[in-house]
Protein backbone atom coordinates (compact mmCIF):
# COMPACT_ATOMS: atom_id res chain seq x y z
CA UNK A 1 145.45 90.94 93.01
CA UNK A 2 142.08 89.41 93.74
CA UNK A 3 141.47 87.32 96.86
CA UNK A 4 140.75 83.38 95.39
CA UNK A 5 137.17 82.38 95.50
CA UNK A 6 137.72 79.73 98.02
CA UNK A 7 139.06 82.39 100.48
CA UNK A 8 136.02 84.40 99.82
CA UNK A 9 133.52 81.56 100.55
CA UNK A 10 135.66 80.86 103.84
CA UNK A 11 134.98 84.48 104.91
CA UNK A 12 131.85 84.75 104.41
CA UNK A 13 131.43 81.44 105.98
CA UNK A 14 132.83 82.56 109.40
CA UNK A 15 130.93 85.54 109.30
CA UNK A 16 127.76 83.97 109.16
CA UNK A 17 128.42 81.10 111.71
CA UNK A 18 129.36 83.96 113.65
CA UNK A 19 126.87 85.75 113.56
CA UNK A 20 124.27 82.83 113.78
CA UNK A 21 125.96 82.36 116.77
CA UNK A 22 125.54 85.56 117.71
CA UNK A 23 122.03 85.41 117.54
CA UNK A 24 121.39 82.06 118.84
CA UNK A 25 123.04 83.08 122.13
CA UNK A 26 120.56 86.19 121.99
CA UNK A 27 118.11 84.41 121.50
CA UNK A 28 118.76 82.02 124.08
CA UNK A 29 119.52 84.51 127.24
CA UNK A 30 116.13 86.09 125.81
CA UNK A 31 114.44 82.79 126.95
CA UNK A 32 116.23 82.65 129.59
CA UNK A 33 115.08 86.18 130.70
CA UNK A 34 111.19 85.01 129.91
CA UNK A 35 111.38 82.10 132.38
CA UNK A 36 113.11 83.94 134.92
CA UNK A 37 110.49 86.79 134.87
CA UNK A 38 107.59 84.10 134.99
CA UNK A 39 108.55 82.49 137.92
CA UNK A 40 109.11 85.94 139.63
CA UNK A 41 105.27 86.78 138.72
CA UNK A 42 103.48 83.86 139.57
CA UNK A 43 105.34 83.62 142.73
CA UNK A 44 104.83 87.72 143.35
CA UNK A 45 101.14 86.82 141.99
CA UNK A 46 100.60 83.66 144.39
CA UNK A 47 101.31 86.39 147.30
CA UNK A 48 99.22 89.29 146.42
CA UNK A 49 96.16 87.01 147.20
CA UNK A 50 96.79 86.20 150.66
CA UNK A 51 95.53 88.49 153.75
CA UNK A 52 98.07 89.10 156.00
CA UNK A 53 98.46 87.43 159.56
CA UNK A 54 96.72 84.31 157.75
CA UNK A 55 98.50 82.62 155.23
CA UNK A 56 95.91 80.05 154.53
CA UNK A 57 92.93 82.15 153.66
CA UNK A 58 93.08 83.03 149.57
CA UNK A 59 90.81 85.69 148.28
CA UNK A 60 89.46 84.43 145.26
CA UNK A 61 87.37 87.24 142.81
CA UNK A 62 85.76 84.60 141.08
CA UNK A 63 83.61 83.77 143.71
CA UNK A 64 82.38 87.09 144.63
CA UNK A 65 79.30 88.87 142.78
CA UNK A 66 79.95 91.98 141.22
CA UNK A 67 77.91 94.35 141.96
CA UNK A 68 76.93 96.11 138.43
CA UNK A 69 73.67 97.82 139.19
CA UNK A 70 76.11 101.27 138.45
CA UNK A 71 77.62 100.23 135.64
CA UNK A 72 74.22 98.99 134.11
CA UNK A 73 72.78 102.52 135.08
CA UNK A 74 75.91 104.83 133.63
CA UNK A 75 75.19 102.25 130.29
CA UNK A 76 71.61 102.96 130.38
CA UNK A 77 71.69 107.12 131.53
CA UNK A 78 73.86 107.01 128.03
CA UNK A 79 72.26 105.29 125.65
CA UNK A 80 68.95 106.56 126.63
CA UNK A 81 71.35 110.44 126.83
CA UNK A 82 72.05 109.47 123.21
CA UNK A 83 68.94 108.74 122.15
CA UNK A 84 66.97 111.71 123.21
CA UNK A 85 68.81 114.51 122.66
């Protein structure tokens, strides 16, 4: 005896709702984990720039002028070597 169409539709709807609920809960958990991880990284990142002993001094990488003379010399030497084998 075949199950009635209403029984099949009800069974399919239950399965669909269970699946959608599981996926929704997984995505909520994933968003929560990403948020907690972002907070931890922010806290850890703020502590890295501080000098031990003086909590008011924060090193700022943007204010320091990088010394690019060695990089420029290496790039120039590579271009010269490539053009003149």
